[in-house]
Amino acid sequence: MKHRYLRNVTTLRLSTEQCIGCGRCAEVCPHGVFSVNEKKARIDDKDSCMECGACARNCPVDAIAVNPGVGCAAAVITGWLTGSEPDCGCSGSNGCC
């Protein structure tokens, strides 16, 4: 079973127009968010993204954008590490945290 963070809150974006299908995003993603099909990367499970930024840092054509260490995913991880409640600063206005 894949680990999921919070639904529909990640900042992850993929430009399929820019993608050259090298597969680096799929290689470096710790949660298997990406796959490569027909020479283009595809986001298979956006809600599994932990916003670590490995995909964007390793994309040779800058086809991937993500704000690493921000948002609810970072809040959940920080909460786990510190034993505190997640606080992403959204005040629950869109259903996160």
PDB file of N, CA and C in Angstrom:
ATOM      1  N   MET A   1       0.840  -1.193   0.000  1.00  0.00           N
ATOM      2  CA  MET A   1       0.000   0.000   0.000  1.00  0.00           C
ATOM      3  C   MET A   1       0.878   1.247   0.000  1.00  0.00           C
ATOM      4  N   LYS A   2       0.574   2.150  -0.897  1.00  0.00           N
ATOM      5  CA  LYS A   2       1.332   3.393  -0.991  1.00  0.00           C
ATOM      6  C   LYS A   2       0.967   4.334   0.138  1.00  0.00           C
ATOM      7  N   HIS A   3       1.965   5.104   0.553  1.00  0.00           N
ATOM      8  CA  HIS A   3       1.714   6.127   1.576  1.00  0.00           C
ATOM      9  C   HIS A   3       1.094   7.342   0.909  1.00  0.00           C
ATOM     10  N   ARG A   4       0.084   7.879   1.507  1.00  0.00           N
ATOM     11  CA  ARG A   4      -0.564   9.085   0.997  1.00  0.00           C
ATOM     12  C   ARG A   4      -0.449  10.187   2.042  1.00  0.00           C
ATOM     13  N   TYR A   5      -0.285  11.379   1.549  1.00  0.00           N
ATOM     14  CA  TYR A   5      -0.301  12.541   2.426  1.00  0.00           C
ATOM     15  C   TYR A   5      -1.726  13.087   2.394  1.00  0.00           C
ATOM     16  N   LEU A   6      -1.890  14.324   2.173  1.00  0.00           N
ATOM     17  CA  LEU A   6      -3.228  14.907   2.132  1.00  0.00           C
ATOM     18  C   LEU A   6      -3.648  15.098   0.684  1.00  0.00           C
ATOM     19  N   ARG A   7      -4.918  14.924   0.414  1.00  0.00           N
ATOM     20  CA  ARG A   7      -5.407  14.966  -0.969  1.00  0.00           C
ATOM     21  C   ARG A   7      -5.425  16.385  -1.534  1.00  0.00           C
ATOM     22  N   ASN A   8      -4.980  16.476  -2.765  1.00  0.00           N
ATOM     23  CA  ASN A   8      -5.076  17.707  -3.564  1.00  0.00           C
ATOM     24  C   ASN A   8      -4.409  18.935  -2.951  1.00  0.00           C
ATOM     25  N   VAL A   9      -3.268  18.746  -2.298  1.00  0.00           N
ATOM     26  CA  VAL A   9      -2.582  19.905  -1.723  1.00  0.00           C
ATOM     27  C   VAL A   9      -1.153  20.087  -2.223  1.00  0.00           C
ATOM     28  N   THR A  10      -0.602  19.128  -2.921  1.00  0.00           N
ATOM     29  CA  THR A  10       0.785  19.239  -3.357  1.00  0.00           C
ATOM     30  C   THR A  10       0.960  20.323  -4.424  1.00  0.00           C
ATOM     31  N   THR A  11       2.149  20.888  -4.452  1.00  0.00           N
ATOM     32  CA  THR A  11       2.477  21.928  -5.423  1.00  0.00           C
ATOM     33  C   THR A  11       3.085  21.351  -6.699  1.00  0.00           C
ATOM     34  N   LEU A  12       3.153  20.046  -6.831  1.00  0.00           N
ATOM     35  CA  LEU A  12       3.790  19.367  -7.960  1.00  0.00           C
ATOM     36  C   LEU A  12       3.100  19.669  -9.287  1.00  0.00           C
ATOM     37  N   ARG A  13       3.911  20.047 -10.286  1.00  0.00           N
ATOM     38  CA  ARG A  13       3.413  20.310 -11.638  1.00  0.00           C
ATOM     39  C   ARG A  13       4.371  19.697 -12.650  1.00  0.00           C
ATOM     40  N   LEU A  14       3.838  19.143 -13.730  1.00  0.00           N
ATOM     41  CA  LEU A  14       4.637  18.551 -14.799  1.00  0.00           C
ATOM     42  C   LEU A  14       4.214  19.145 -16.132  1.00  0.00           C
ATOM     43  N   SER A  15       5.189  19.626 -16.905  1.00  0.00           N
ATOM     44  CA  SER A  15       4.920  20.117 -18.249  1.00  0.00           C
ATOM     45  C   SER A  15       5.269  19.007 -19.229  1.00  0.00           C
ATOM     46  N   THR A  16       4.256  18.330 -19.749  1.00  0.00           N
ATOM     47  CA  THR A  16       4.514  17.248 -20.695  1.00  0.00           C
ATOM     48  C   THR A  16       5.089  17.776 -22.008  1.00  0.00           C
ATOM     49  N   GLU A  17       4.843  19.033 -22.319  1.00  0.00           N
ATOM     50  CA  GLU A  17       5.409  19.629 -23.523  1.00  0.00           C
ATOM     51  C   GLU A  17       6.931  19.716 -23.426  1.00  0.00           C
ATOM     52  N   GLN A  18       7.441  20.026 -22.253  1.00  0.00           N
ATOM     53  CA  GLN A  18       8.884  20.148 -22.051  1.00  0.00           C
ATOM     54  C   GLN A  18       9.559  18.795 -21.819  1.00  0.00           C
ATOM     55  N   CYS A  19       8.831  17.812 -21.342  1.00  0.00           N
ATOM     56  CA  CYS A  19       9.388  16.514 -20.961  1.00  0.00           C
ATOM     57  C   CYS A  19      10.030  15.814 -22.154  1.00  0.00           C
ATOM     58  N   ILE A  20      11.239  15.257 -21.930  1.00  0.00           N
ATOM     59  CA  ILE A  20      11.932  14.505 -22.973  1.00  0.00           C
ATOM     60  C   ILE A  20      11.902  12.994 -22.701  1.00  0.00           C
ATOM     61  N   GLY A  21      11.238  12.582 -21.629  1.00  0.00           N
ATOM     62  CA  GLY A  21      11.076  11.165 -21.335  1.00  0.00           C
ATOM     63  C   GLY A  21      12.316  10.454 -20.833  1.00  0.00           C
ATOM     64  N   CYS A  22      13.223  11.169 -20.205  1.00  0.00           N
ATOM     65  CA  CYS A  22      14.472  10.558 -19.740  1.00  0.00           C
ATOM     66  C   CYS A  22      14.260   9.600 -18.569  1.00  0.00           C
ATOM     67  N   GLY A  23      13.197   9.792 -17.803  1.00  0.00           N
ATOM     68  CA  GLY A  23      12.878   8.902 -16.693  1.00  0.00           C
ATOM     69  C   GLY A  23      13.567   9.209 -15.376  1.00  0.00           C
ATOM     70  N   ARG A  24      14.318  10.279 -15.306  1.00  0.00           N
ATOM     71  CA  ARG A  24      15.007  10.604 -14.041  1.00  0.00           C
ATOM     72  C   ARG A  24      14.035  10.857 -12.903  1.00  0.00           C
ATOM     73  N   CYS A  25      12.914  11.467 -13.202  1.00  0.00           N
ATOM     74  CA  CYS A  25      11.921  11.732 -12.153  1.00  0.00           C
ATOM     75  C   CYS A  25      11.442  10.426 -11.529  1.00  0.00           C
ATOM     76  N   ALA A  26      11.176   9.434 -12.358  1.00  0.00           N
ATOM     77  CA  ALA A  26      10.722   8.134 -11.857  1.00  0.00           C
ATOM     78  C   ALA A  26      11.822   7.436 -11.067  1.00  0.00           C
ATOM     79  N   GLU A  27      13.078   7.627 -11.463  1.00  0.00           N
ATOM     80  CA  GLU A  27      14.207   7.012 -10.772  1.00  0.00           C
ATOM     81  C   GLU A  27      14.419   7.589  -9.376  1.00  0.00           C
ATOM     82  N   VAL A  28      14.267   8.900  -9.231  1.00  0.00           N
ATOM     83  CA  VAL A  28      14.627   9.547  -7.966  1.00  0.00           C
ATOM     84  C   VAL A  28      13.463   9.739  -7.002  1.00  0.00           C
ATOM     85  N   CYS A  29      12.238   9.590  -7.470  1.00  0.00           N
ATOM     86  CA  CYS A  29      11.086   9.817  -6.597  1.00  0.00           C
ATOM     87  C   CYS A  29      10.975   8.703  -5.563  1.00  0.00           C
ATOM     88  N   PRO A  30      11.039   9.035  -4.276  1.00  0.00           N
ATOM     89  CA  PRO A  30      10.986   8.002  -3.246  1.00  0.00           C
ATOM     90  C   PRO A  30       9.617   7.344  -3.076  1.00  0.00           C
ATOM     91  N   HIS A  31       8.587   7.922  -3.653  1.00  0.00           N
ATOM     92  CA  HIS A  31       7.238   7.374  -3.479  1.00  0.00           C
ATOM     93  C   HIS A  31       6.578   6.928  -4.775  1.00  0.00           C
ATOM     94  N   GLY A  32       7.340   6.830  -5.850  1.00  0.00           N
ATOM     95  CA  GLY A  32       6.800   6.315  -7.097  1.00  0.00           C
ATOM     96  C   GLY A  32       5.681   7.141  -7.692  1.00  0.00           C
ATOM     97  N   VAL A  33       5.795   8.439  -7.592  1.00  0.00           N
ATOM     98  CA  VAL A  33       4.760   9.334  -8.111  1.00  0.00           C
ATOM     99  C   VAL A  33       4.730   9.315  -9.638  1.00  0.00           C
ATOM    100  N   PHE A  34       5.886   9.109 -10.277  1.00  0.00           N
ATOM    101  CA  PHE A  34       6.005   9.209 -11.730  1.00  0.00           C
ATOM    102  C   PHE A  34       6.185   7.853 -12.402  1.00  0.00           C
ATOM    103  N   SER A  35       5.794   7.802 -13.669  1.00  0.00           N
ATOM    104  CA  SER A  35       6.160   6.714 -14.567  1.00  0.00           C
ATOM    105  C   SER A  35       6.440   7.349 -15.917  1.00  0.00           C
ATOM    106  N   VAL A  36       7.074   6.587 -16.799  1.00  0.00           N
ATOM    107  CA  VAL A  36       7.341   7.079 -18.148  1.00  0.00           C
ATOM    108  C   VAL A  36       6.626   6.145 -19.115  1.00  0.00           C
ATOM    109  N   ASN A  37       5.810   6.739 -19.954  1.00  0.00           N
ATOM    110  CA  ASN A  37       5.018   5.981 -20.898  1.00  0.00           C
ATOM    111  C   ASN A  37       5.046   6.720 -22.235  1.00  0.00           C
ATOM    112  N   GLU A  38       5.346   6.008 -23.305  1.00  0.00           N
ATOM    113  CA  GLU A  38       5.398   6.607 -24.639  1.00  0.00           C
ATOM    114  C   GLU A  38       6.311   7.835 -24.687  1.00  0.00           C
ATOM    115  N   LYS A  39       7.478   7.709 -24.061  1.00  0.00           N
ATOM    116  CA  LYS A  39       8.523   8.734 -24.072  1.00  0.00           C
ATOM    117  C   LYS A  39       8.127  10.043 -23.400  1.00  0.00           C
ATOM    118  N   LYS A  40       7.213   9.968 -22.447  1.00  0.00           N
ATOM    119  CA  LYS A  40       6.823  11.141 -21.660  1.00  0.00           C
ATOM    120  C   LYS A  40       6.595  10.705 -20.218  1.00  0.00           C
ATOM    121  N   ALA A  41       7.002  11.552 -19.281  1.00  0.00           N
ATOM    122  CA  ALA A  41       6.722  11.287 -17.880  1.00  0.00           C
ATOM    123  C   ALA A  41       5.243  11.526 -17.618  1.00  0.00           C
ATOM    124  N   ARG A  42       4.762  10.853 -16.619  1.00  0.00           N
ATOM    125  CA  ARG A  42       3.362  10.997 -16.220  1.00  0.00           C
ATOM    126  C   ARG A  42       3.298  10.962 -14.700  1.00  0.00           C
ATOM    127  N   ILE A  43       2.437  11.780 -14.119  1.00  0.00           N
ATOM    128  CA  ILE A  43       2.197  11.736 -12.682  1.00  0.00           C
ATOM    129  C   ILE A  43       1.134  10.678 -12.444  1.00  0.00           C
ATOM    130  N   ASP A  44       1.519   9.605 -11.766  1.00  0.00           N
ATOM    131  CA  ASP A  44       0.592   8.502 -11.503  1.00  0.00           C
ATOM    132  C   ASP A  44      -0.218   8.711 -10.226  1.00  0.00           C
ATOM    133  N   ASP A  45       0.414   9.289  -9.221  1.00  0.00           N
ATOM    134  CA  ASP A  45      -0.254   9.435  -7.925  1.00  0.00           C
ATOM    135  C   ASP A  45       0.216  10.710  -7.234  1.00  0.00           C
ATOM    136  N   LYS A  46      -0.367  11.809  -7.627  1.00  0.00           N
ATOM    137  CA  LYS A  46       0.041  13.124  -7.113  1.00  0.00           C
ATOM    138  C   LYS A  46      -0.071  13.220  -5.592  1.00  0.00           C
ATOM    139  N   ASP A  47      -1.059  12.554  -5.011  1.00  0.00           N
ATOM    140  CA  ASP A  47      -1.261  12.641  -3.566  1.00  0.00           C
ATOM    141  C   ASP A  47      -0.192  11.904  -2.759  1.00  0.00           C
ATOM    142  N   SER A  48       0.665  11.130  -3.431  1.00  0.00           N
ATOM    143  CA  SER A  48       1.783  10.482  -2.744  1.00  0.00           C
ATOM    144  C   SER A  48       3.022  11.372  -2.698  1.00  0.00           C
ATOM    145  N   CYS A  49       2.980  12.507  -3.378  1.00  0.00           N
ATOM    146  CA  CYS A  49       4.121  13.428  -3.405  1.00  0.00           C
ATOM    147  C   CYS A  49       4.348  14.031  -2.029  1.00  0.00           C
ATOM    148  N   MET A  50       5.600  13.940  -1.567  1.00  0.00           N
ATOM    149  CA  MET A  50       5.943  14.535  -0.278  1.00  0.00           C
ATOM    150  C   MET A  50       6.668  15.871  -0.441  1.00  0.00           C
ATOM    151  N   GLU A  51       6.698  16.374  -1.662  1.00  0.00           N
ATOM    152  CA  GLU A  51       7.307  17.673  -1.979  1.00  0.00           C
ATOM    153  C   GLU A  51       8.773  17.754  -1.572  1.00  0.00           C
ATOM    154  N   CYS A  52       9.519  16.662  -1.794  1.00  0.00           N
ATOM    155  CA  CYS A  52      10.943  16.672  -1.456  1.00  0.00           C
ATOM    156  C   CYS A  52      11.766  17.445  -2.482  1.00  0.00           C
ATOM    157  N   GLY A  53      11.286  17.513  -3.724  1.00  0.00           N
ATOM    158  CA  GLY A  53      11.961  18.274  -4.768  1.00  0.00           C
ATOM    159  C   GLY A  53      12.983  17.498  -5.579  1.00  0.00           C
ATOM    160  N   ALA A  54      13.184  16.217  -5.294  1.00  0.00           N
ATOM    161  CA  ALA A  54      14.178  15.424  -6.018  1.00  0.00           C
ATOM    162  C   ALA A  54      13.883  15.379  -7.512  1.00  0.00           C
ATOM    163  N   CYS A  55      12.623  15.261  -7.877  1.00  0.00           N
ATOM    164  CA  CYS A  55      12.245  15.188  -9.293  1.00  0.00           C
ATOM    165  C   CYS A  55      12.627  16.467 -10.028  1.00  0.00           C
ATOM    166  N   ALA A  56      12.286  17.599  -9.461  1.00  0.00           N
ATOM    167  CA  ALA A  56      12.571  18.885 -10.107  1.00  0.00           C
ATOM    168  C   ALA A  56      14.072  19.143 -10.188  1.00  0.00           C
ATOM    169  N   ARG A  57      14.804  18.799  -9.137  1.00  0.00           N
ATOM    170  CA  ARG A  57      16.251  19.022  -9.141  1.00  0.00           C
ATOM    171  C   ARG A  57      16.964  18.151 -10.168  1.00  0.00           C
ATOM    172  N   ASN A  58      16.390  17.012 -10.499  1.00  0.00           N
ATOM    173  CA  ASN A  58      17.041  16.089 -11.420  1.00  0.00           C
ATOM    174  C   ASN A  58      16.496  16.135 -12.840  1.00  0.00           C
ATOM    175  N   CYS A  59      15.507  16.951 -13.105  1.00  0.00           N
ATOM    176  CA  CYS A  59      14.950  17.062 -14.453  1.00  0.00           C
ATOM    177  C   CYS A  59      15.865  17.940 -15.300  1.00  0.00           C
ATOM    178  N   PRO A  60      16.454  17.390 -16.380  1.00  0.00           N
ATOM    179  CA  PRO A  60      17.405  18.170 -17.175  1.00  0.00           C
ATOM    180  C   PRO A  60      16.773  19.272 -18.016  1.00  0.00           C
ATOM    181  N   VAL A  61      15.463  19.258 -18.172  1.00  0.00           N
ATOM    182  CA  VAL A  61      14.808  20.273 -19.005  1.00  0.00           C
ATOM    183  C   VAL A  61      13.811  21.123 -18.219  1.00  0.00           C
ATOM    184  N   ASP A  62      13.852  21.040 -16.903  1.00  0.00           N
ATOM    185  CA  ASP A  62      12.972  21.841 -16.031  1.00  0.00           C
ATOM    186  C   ASP A  62      11.496  21.663 -16.355  1.00  0.00           C
ATOM    187  N   ALA A  63      11.103  20.417 -16.643  1.00  0.00           N
ATOM    188  CA  ALA A  63       9.696  20.136 -16.941  1.00  0.00           C
ATOM    189  C   ALA A  63       8.860  19.945 -15.678  1.00  0.00           C
ATOM    190  N   ILE A  64       9.529  19.876 -14.528  1.00  0.00           N
ATOM    191  CA  ILE A  64       8.829  19.626 -13.261  1.00  0.00           C
ATOM    192  C   ILE A  64       9.034  20.804 -12.326  1.00  0.00           C
ATOM    193  N   ALA A  65       7.963  21.207 -11.684  1.00  0.00           N
ATOM    194  CA  ALA A  65       8.028  22.271 -10.681  1.00  0.00           C
ATOM    195  C   ALA A  65       7.366  21.772  -9.406  1.00  0.00           C
ATOM    196  N   VAL A  66       7.991  22.053  -8.292  1.00  0.00           N
ATOM    197  CA  VAL A  66       7.429  21.733  -6.986  1.00  0.00           C
ATOM    198  C   VAL A  66       8.099  22.653  -5.970  1.00  0.00           C
ATOM    199  N   ASN A  67       7.364  23.080  -4.990  1.00  0.00           N
ATOM    200  CA  ASN A  67       7.929  23.902  -3.928  1.00  0.00           C
ATOM    201  C   ASN A  67       8.332  22.971  -2.797  1.00  0.00           C
ATOM    202  N   PRO A  68       9.608  22.543  -2.764  1.00  0.00           N
ATOM    203  CA  PRO A  68      10.024  21.572  -1.752  1.00  0.00           C
ATOM    204  C   PRO A  68       9.961  22.145  -0.341  1.00  0.00           C
ATOM    205  N   GLY A  69       9.498  21.310   0.569  1.00  0.00           N
ATOM    206  CA  GLY A  69       9.470  21.683   1.976  1.00  0.00           C
ATOM    207  C   GLY A  69       8.369  22.636   2.361  1.00  0.00           C
ATOM    208  N   VAL A  70       7.350  22.790   1.512  1.00  0.00           N
ATOM    209  CA  VAL A  70       6.247  23.688   1.838  1.00  0.00           C
ATOM    210  C   VAL A  70       4.954  22.902   1.903  1.00  0.00           C
ATOM    211  N   GLY A  71       3.941  23.545   2.349  1.00  0.00           N
ATOM    212  CA  GLY A  71       2.616  22.953   2.293  1.00  0.00           C
ATOM    213  C   GLY A  71       2.355  21.918   3.355  1.00  0.00           C
ATOM    214  N   CYS A  72       1.270  21.225   3.162  1.00  0.00           N
ATOM    215  CA  CYS A  72       0.801  20.275   4.157  1.00  0.00           C
ATOM    216  C   CYS A  72       1.691  19.056   4.296  1.00  0.00           C
ATOM    217  N   ALA A  73       2.326  18.618   3.201  1.00  0.00           N
ATOM    218  CA  ALA A  73       3.195  17.453   3.301  1.00  0.00           C
ATOM    219  C   ALA A  73       4.339  17.734   4.271  1.00  0.00           C
ATOM    220  N   ALA A  74       4.943  18.897   4.163  1.00  0.00           N
ATOM    221  CA  ALA A  74       6.016  19.265   5.083  1.00  0.00           C
ATOM    222  C   ALA A  74       5.489  19.362   6.507  1.00  0.00           C
ATOM    223  N   ALA A  75       4.278  19.871   6.670  1.00  0.00           N
ATOM    224  CA  ALA A  75       3.685  19.986   8.002  1.00  0.00           C
ATOM    225  C   ALA A  75       3.460  18.617   8.622  1.00  0.00           C
ATOM    226  N   VAL A  76       3.004  17.665   7.828  1.00  0.00           N
ATOM    227  CA  VAL A  76       2.783  16.307   8.331  1.00  0.00           C
ATOM    228  C   VAL A  76       4.107  15.681   8.759  1.00  0.00           C
ATOM    229  N   ILE A  77       5.138  15.816   7.919  1.00  0.00           N
ATOM    230  CA  ILE A  77       6.444  15.249   8.250  1.00  0.00           C
ATOM    231  C   ILE A  77       7.018  15.895   9.506  1.00  0.00           C
ATOM    232  N   THR A  78       6.937  17.206   9.588  1.00  0.00           N
ATOM    233  CA  THR A  78       7.430  17.905  10.781  1.00  0.00           C
ATOM    234  C   THR A  78       6.675  17.451  12.025  1.00  0.00           C
ATOM    235  N   GLY A  79       5.369  17.265  11.893  1.00  0.00           N
ATOM    236  CA  GLY A  79       4.571  16.770  13.013  1.00  0.00           C
ATOM    237  C   GLY A  79       5.022  15.399  13.475  1.00  0.00           C
ATOM    238  N   TRP A  80       5.307  14.525  12.509  1.00  0.00           N
ATOM    239  CA  TRP A  80       5.799  13.182  12.863  1.00  0.00           C
ATOM    240  C   TRP A  80       7.140  13.267  13.577  1.00  0.00           C
ATOM    241  N   LEU A  81       8.031  14.106  13.065  1.00  0.00           N
ATOM    242  CA  LEU A  81       9.370  14.202  13.629  1.00  0.00           C
ATOM    243  C   LEU A  81       9.392  14.841  15.015  1.00  0.00           C
ATOM    244  N   THR A  82       8.502  15.777  15.236  1.00  0.00           N
ATOM    245  CA  THR A  82       8.501  16.492  16.518  1.00  0.00           C
ATOM    246  C   THR A  82       7.447  15.983  17.492  1.00  0.00           C
ATOM    247  N   GLY A  83       6.575  15.100  17.012  1.00  0.00           N
ATOM    248  CA  GLY A  83       5.508  14.590  17.874  1.00  0.00           C
ATOM    249  C   GLY A  83       4.400  15.604  18.101  1.00  0.00           C
ATOM    250  N   SER A  84       4.292  16.583  17.207  1.00  0.00           N
ATOM    251  CA  SER A  84       3.274  17.615  17.357  1.00  0.00           C
ATOM    252  C   SER A  84       2.212  17.477  16.270  1.00  0.00           C
ATOM    253  N   GLU A  85       1.166  18.261  16.382  1.00  0.00           N
ATOM    254  CA  GLU A  85       0.110  18.273  15.372  1.00  0.00           C
ATOM    255  C   GLU A  85       0.595  19.005  14.132  1.00  0.00           C
ATOM    256  N   PRO A  86       0.227  18.537  12.943  1.00  0.00           N
ATOM    257  CA  PRO A  86       0.613  19.241  11.714  1.00  0.00           C
ATOM    258  C   PRO A  86       0.045  20.654  11.688  1.00  0.00           C
ATOM    259  N   ASP A  87       0.855  21.590  11.208  1.00  0.00           N
ATOM    260  CA  ASP A  87       0.406  22.966  11.066  1.00  0.00           C
ATOM    261  C   ASP A  87       0.998  23.534   9.789  1.00  0.00           C
ATOM    262  N   CYS A  88       0.184  23.579   8.737  1.00  0.00           N
ATOM    263  CA  CYS A  88       0.679  24.076   7.450  1.00  0.00           C
ATOM    264  C   CYS A  88       0.329  25.546   7.255  1.00  0.00           C
ATOM    265  N   GLY A  89      -0.344  26.140   8.193  1.00  0.00           N
ATOM    266  CA  GLY A  89      -0.663  27.552   8.074  1.00  0.00           C
ATOM    267  C   GLY A  89      -1.882  27.856   7.230  1.00  0.00           C
ATOM    268  N   CYS A  90      -2.612  26.819   6.824  1.00  0.00           N
ATOM    269  CA  CYS A  90      -3.773  27.080   5.966  1.00  0.00           C
ATOM    270  C   CYS A  90      -5.039  27.268   6.780  1.00  0.00           C
ATOM    271  N   SER A  91      -4.972  27.083   8.049  1.00  0.00           N
ATOM    272  CA  SER A  91      -6.099  27.262   8.959  1.00  0.00           C
ATOM    273  C   SER A  91      -7.307  26.408   8.603  1.00  0.00           C
ATOM    274  N   GLY A  92      -7.052  25.321   7.888  1.00  0.00           N
ATOM    275  CA  GLY A  92      -8.142  24.416   7.551  1.00  0.00           C
ATOM    276  C   GLY A  92      -9.124  24.970   6.545  1.00  0.00           C
ATOM    277  N   SER A  93      -8.785  26.086   5.907  1.00  0.00           N
ATOM    278  CA  SER A  93      -9.723  26.733   5.000  1.00  0.00           C
ATOM    279  C   SER A  93     -10.059  25.898   3.769  1.00  0.00           C
ATOM    280  N   ASN A  94      -9.140  25.034   3.341  1.00  0.00           N
ATOM    281  CA  ASN A  94      -9.435  24.193   2.187  1.00  0.00           C
ATOM    282  C   ASN A  94      -9.440  22.720   2.548  1.00  0.00           C
ATOM    283  N   GLY A  95      -9.608  22.423   3.797  1.00  0.00           N
ATOM    284  CA  GLY A  95      -9.740  21.036   4.219  1.00  0.00           C
ATOM    285  C   GLY A  95      -8.442  20.334   4.518  1.00  0.00           C
ATOM    286  N   CYS A  96      -7.315  21.018   4.421  1.00  0.00           N
ATOM    287  CA  CYS A  96      -6.054  20.345   4.731  1.00  0.00           C
ATOM    288  C   CYS A  96      -5.765  20.463   6.229  1.00  0.00           C
ATOM    289  N   CYS A  97      -4.887  19.628   6.673  1.00  0.00           N
ATOM    290  CA  CYS A  97      -4.497  19.558   8.090  1.00  0.00           C
ATOM    291  C   CYS A  97      -5.695  19.642   8.981  1.00  0.00           C
TER     292      CYS A  97
END
